[in-house]
Amino acid sequence: MNDKIIQIIPAPANMCYAFEDGKTYPVACLALVELSNGDAEVHAMATINGGPIEDVSDSGTVLVHNEKALPNRGGPLLC
């Protein structure tokens, strides 16, 4: 796989991702990715289980717009 990240921007404050269990987690950023075939896609990036930031677009997650998501004072977004 020779995909290449071209640009990274912060994700909207209320963008979250969820696994099948329905619990939501904040998306950290959006990445413009150039695929090995020359196409470009936008991928959601986040941490999973406190690990490094990684692409969550292909990990069995769905993106959700959470209107109730609010920043935690001085802490991470609460989805």
Protein backbone atom coordinates (compact mmCIF):
# COMPACT_ATOMS: atom_id res chain seq x y z
CA MET A 1 0.00 0.00 0.00
CA ASN A 2 1.48 3.31 -1.07
CA ASP A 3 -1.24 5.68 0.10
CA LYS A 4 0.07 9.12 1.01
CA ILE A 5 -1.41 11.76 3.30
CA ILE A 6 -1.44 15.08 1.44
CA GLN A 7 -3.11 17.38 3.98
CA ILE A 8 -4.57 17.19 7.50
CA ILE A 9 -7.24 19.48 8.96
CA PRO A 10 -9.02 19.41 12.34
CA ALA A 11 -12.28 17.47 12.34
CA PRO A 12 -15.54 19.31 13.08
CA ALA A 13 -16.17 19.45 16.84
CA ASN A 14 -19.21 17.19 16.65
CA MET A 15 -17.80 14.49 14.34
CA CYS A 16 -17.51 11.12 16.03
CA TYR A 17 -17.03 7.51 14.97
CA ALA A 18 -18.66 4.38 16.36
CA PHE A 19 -18.10 0.64 16.29
CA GLU A 20 -20.96 -1.88 16.27
CA ASP A 21 -21.54 -1.42 20.02
CA GLY A 22 -22.84 2.11 19.31
CA LYS A 23 -20.47 3.92 21.70
CA THR A 24 -19.10 7.06 20.04
CA TYR A 25 -15.58 8.48 20.09
CA PRO A 26 -14.26 11.82 18.75
CA VAL A 27 -12.58 12.10 15.35
CA ALA A 28 -9.29 14.01 15.77
CA CYS A 29 -8.73 15.16 12.20
CA LEU A 30 -9.56 14.60 8.55
CA ALA A 31 -6.81 13.61 6.12
CA LEU A 32 -6.76 14.12 2.37
CA VAL A 33 -5.18 10.87 1.17
CA GLU A 34 -3.74 10.17 -2.27
CA LEU A 35 -4.32 6.49 -3.01
CA SER A 36 -1.78 4.33 -4.82
CA ASN A 37 -3.97 4.42 -7.98
CA GLY A 38 -3.90 8.26 -8.01
CA ASP A 39 -7.42 8.80 -6.64
CA ALA A 40 -7.93 11.04 -3.59
CA GLU A 41 -10.19 10.44 -0.58
CA VAL A 42 -10.86 12.11 2.76
CA HIS A 43 -10.27 9.78 5.71
CA ALA A 44 -11.25 10.21 9.35
CA MET A 45 -8.34 9.89 11.79
CA ALA A 46 -8.59 9.19 15.52
CA THR A 47 -7.04 7.28 18.37
CA ILE A 48 -8.28 3.79 19.20
CA ASN A 49 -7.76 2.57 22.77
CA GLY A 50 -5.37 5.42 23.55
CA GLY A 51 -2.95 4.45 20.79
CA PRO A 52 -1.48 6.65 18.06
CA ILE A 53 -3.71 8.54 15.64
CA GLU A 54 -4.75 6.22 12.82
CA ASP A 55 -7.22 5.95 9.97
CA VAL A 56 -10.58 4.80 11.34
CA SER A 57 -12.31 4.84 7.94
CA ASP A 58 -11.47 1.22 7.18
CA SER A 59 -11.62 -0.28 10.68
CA GLY A 60 -15.29 -1.29 10.80
CA THR A 61 -16.47 2.08 12.13
CA VAL A 62 -19.18 4.46 11.00
CA LEU A 63 -19.01 8.25 11.17
CA VAL A 64 -21.73 10.03 13.11
CA HIS A 65 -22.73 13.66 13.43
CA ASN A 66 -23.39 14.11 17.13
CA GLU A 67 -25.24 17.37 17.79
CA LYS A 68 -25.02 16.70 21.53
CA ALA A 69 -21.22 16.39 21.51
CA LEU A 70 -19.75 19.09 23.72
CA PRO A 71 -16.15 19.92 24.58
CA ASN A 72 -15.19 18.85 28.09
CA ARG A 73 -13.71 21.86 29.89
CA GLY A 74 -9.97 21.51 29.42
CA GLY A 75 -10.34 17.91 28.26
CA PRO A 76 -11.26 15.86 25.22
CA LEU A 77 -14.52 16.04 23.32
CA LEU A 78 -17.31 14.07 24.97
CA CYS A 79 -19.21 12.22 22.25
